[in-house]
């Protein structure tokens, strides 16, 4: 009964509080993750990963992890594609 205090259940304020900051990081993260599949995968993948990291800390941990995961996947697939097709990392 540690959560009961004077008859009311205490709720962690971090769980209830909605964080609205970091909207541009979400947009940049997804856009650059998609761009890293086709153009400059190392550059755009790194930018997308950084945006996901910022989303993780400023907005939503789960959404940030998703962006960082797709940034790594986009970087790997984009690099593999550019090596196989053009023989270079910068297509």
C-alpha atoms as a PDB file:
ATOM      1  CA  UNK A   1       0.000   0.000   0.000  1.00  0.00           C
ATOM      2  CA  UNK A   2       2.883   2.340  -0.692  1.00  0.00           C
ATOM      3  CA  UNK A   3       0.911   3.999  -3.504  1.00  0.00           C
ATOM      4  CA  UNK A   4      -1.924   5.033  -1.217  1.00  0.00           C
ATOM      5  CA  UNK A   5      -1.593   8.372   0.456  1.00  0.00           C
ATOM      6  CA  UNK A   6      -4.547   9.807   2.361  1.00  0.00           C
ATOM      7  CA  UNK A   7      -6.928   7.557   0.425  1.00  0.00           C
ATOM      8  CA  UNK A   8      -5.725   8.651  -3.034  1.00  0.00           C
ATOM      9  CA  UNK A   9      -3.490   6.765  -5.408  1.00  0.00           C
ATOM     10  CA  UNK A  10      -0.374   8.713  -6.349  1.00  0.00           C
ATOM     11  CA  UNK A  11       0.488   8.844 -10.020  1.00  0.00           C
ATOM     12  CA  UNK A  12       3.908   9.551 -11.419  1.00  0.00           C
ATOM     13  CA  UNK A  13       3.693  12.985 -13.067  1.00  0.00           C
ATOM     14  CA  UNK A  14       6.076  11.932 -15.864  1.00  0.00           C
ATOM     15  CA  UNK A  15       3.563   9.350 -17.091  1.00  0.00           C
ATOM     16  CA  UNK A  16       0.628  11.755 -17.163  1.00  0.00           C
ATOM     17  CA  UNK A  17       2.395  14.798 -18.527  1.00  0.00           C
ATOM     18  CA  UNK A  18       2.148  15.217 -22.319  1.00  0.00           C
ATOM     19  CA  UNK A  19       5.309  16.510 -23.889  1.00  0.00           C
ATOM     20  CA  UNK A  20       4.709  18.524 -27.039  1.00  0.00           C
ATOM     21  CA  UNK A  21       8.259  19.654 -27.756  1.00  0.00           C
ATOM     22  CA  UNK A  22      10.391  18.059 -30.440  1.00  0.00           C
ATOM     23  CA  UNK A  23       7.875  17.968 -33.298  1.00  0.00           C
ATOM     24  CA  UNK A  24      10.505  18.858 -35.896  1.00  0.00           C
ATOM     25  CA  UNK A  25      12.791  16.084 -34.685  1.00  0.00           C
ATOM     26  CA  UNK A  26      10.012  13.573 -35.385  1.00  0.00           C
ATOM     27  CA  UNK A  27       9.511  14.919 -38.903  1.00  0.00           C
ATOM     28  CA  UNK A  28      13.232  15.105 -39.674  1.00  0.00           C
ATOM     29  CA  UNK A  29      13.829  11.641 -38.243  1.00  0.00           C
ATOM     30  CA  UNK A  30      11.309   9.921 -40.511  1.00  0.00           C
ATOM     31  CA  UNK A  31      12.130  11.972 -43.613  1.00  0.00           C
ATOM     32  CA  UNK A  32      15.873  11.417 -43.317  1.00  0.00           C
ATOM     33  CA  UNK A  33      15.378   7.721 -42.536  1.00  0.00           C
ATOM     34  CA  UNK A  34      13.545   7.352 -45.845  1.00  0.00           C
ATOM     35  CA  UNK A  35      16.078   9.485 -47.702  1.00  0.00           C
ATOM     36  CA  UNK A  36      18.937   7.380 -46.366  1.00  0.00           C
ATOM     37  CA  UNK A  37      17.604   4.462 -48.415  1.00  0.00           C
ATOM     38  CA  UNK A  38      18.227   6.339 -51.658  1.00  0.00           C
ATOM     39  CA  UNK A  39      20.678   9.224 -51.232  1.00  0.00           C
ATOM     40  CA  UNK A  40      23.808   9.641 -49.100  1.00  0.00           C
ATOM     41  CA  UNK A  41      22.933   6.873 -46.630  1.00  0.00           C
ATOM     42  CA  UNK A  42      25.733   7.642 -44.192  1.00  0.00           C
ATOM     43  CA  UNK A  43      24.862  11.340 -43.903  1.00  0.00           C
ATOM     44  CA  UNK A  44      21.079  11.020 -43.836  1.00  0.00           C
ATOM     45  CA  UNK A  45      21.186   7.934 -41.617  1.00  0.00           C
ATOM     46  CA  UNK A  46      23.302   9.789 -39.060  1.00  0.00           C
ATOM     47  CA  UNK A  47      20.970  12.800 -39.120  1.00  0.00           C
ATOM     48  CA  UNK A  48      17.968  10.504 -38.701  1.00  0.00           C
ATOM     49  CA  UNK A  49      19.611   8.692 -35.795  1.00  0.00           C
ATOM     50  CA  UNK A  50      20.384  12.015 -34.083  1.00  0.00           C
ATOM     51  CA  UNK A  51      16.772  13.115 -34.565  1.00  0.00           C
ATOM     52  CA  UNK A  52      15.580   9.834 -33.058  1.00  0.00           C
ATOM     53  CA  UNK A  53      17.885  10.363 -30.098  1.00  0.00           C
ATOM     54  CA  UNK A  54      16.404  13.820 -29.552  1.00  0.00           C
ATOM     55  CA  UNK A  55      12.868  12.427 -29.809  1.00  0.00           C
ATOM     56  CA  UNK A  56      13.807   9.753 -27.270  1.00  0.00           C
ATOM     57  CA  UNK A  57      14.831  12.387 -24.735  1.00  0.00           C
ATOM     58  CA  UNK A  58      12.412  15.222 -25.485  1.00  0.00           C
ATOM     59  CA  UNK A  59       9.187  13.592 -26.599  1.00  0.00           C
ATOM     60  CA  UNK A  60       8.579   9.843 -26.453  1.00  0.00           C
ATOM     61  CA  UNK A  61      11.080   7.088 -25.681  1.00  0.00           C
ATOM     62  CA  UNK A  62       9.243   4.475 -27.746  1.00  0.00           C
ATOM     63  CA  UNK A  63       8.928   6.744 -30.784  1.00  0.00           C
ATOM     64  CA  UNK A  64      12.596   7.704 -30.496  1.00  0.00           C
ATOM     65  CA  UNK A  65      13.665   4.055 -30.429  1.00  0.00           C
ATOM     66  CA  UNK A  66      11.571   3.374 -33.535  1.00  0.00           C
ATOM     67  CA  UNK A  67      13.180   6.264 -35.423  1.00  0.00           C
ATOM     68  CA  UNK A  68      16.683   5.208 -34.360  1.00  0.00           C
ATOM     69  CA  UNK A  69      15.981   1.617 -35.428  1.00  0.00           C
ATOM     70  CA  UNK A  70      14.757   2.658 -38.874  1.00  0.00           C
ATOM     71  CA  UNK A  71      17.680   5.065 -39.210  1.00  0.00           C
ATOM     72  CA  UNK A  72      20.099   2.174 -38.728  1.00  0.00           C
ATOM     73  CA  UNK A  73      18.126  -0.044 -41.108  1.00  0.00           C
ATOM     74  CA  UNK A  74      17.980   2.743 -43.709  1.00  0.00           C
ATOM     75  CA  UNK A  75      21.688   3.392 -43.345  1.00  0.00           C
ATOM     76  CA  UNK A  76      22.560  -0.290 -43.747  1.00  0.00           C
ATOM     77  CA  UNK A  77      20.212  -0.964 -46.666  1.00  0.00           C
ATOM     78  CA  UNK A  78      21.092   2.291 -48.409  1.00  0.00           C
ATOM     79  CA  UNK A  79      24.794   1.580 -48.113  1.00  0.00           C
ATOM     80  CA  UNK A  80      24.340  -1.982 -49.336  1.00  0.00           C
ATOM     81  CA  UNK A  81      22.219  -0.799 -52.257  1.00  0.00           C
ATOM     82  CA  UNK A  82      24.698   1.875 -53.283  1.00  0.00           C
ATOM     83  CA  UNK A  83      27.634  -0.554 -53.096  1.00  0.00           C
ATOM     84  CA  UNK A  84      25.821  -3.174 -55.156  1.00  0.00           C
ATOM     85  CA  UNK A  85      24.455  -0.803 -57.794  1.00  0.00           C
ATOM     86  CA  UNK A  86      26.966   1.992 -58.137  1.00  0.00           C
ATOM     87  CA  UNK A  87      30.037   0.702 -56.366  1.00  0.00           C
ATOM     88  CA  UNK A  88      30.161   3.722 -54.072  1.00  0.00           C
ATOM     89  CA  UNK A  89      28.684   4.837 -50.761  1.00  0.00           C
ATOM     90  CA  UNK A  90      27.386   8.094 -52.194  1.00  0.00           C
ATOM     91  CA  UNK A  91      24.654   7.625 -54.745  1.00  0.00           C
END
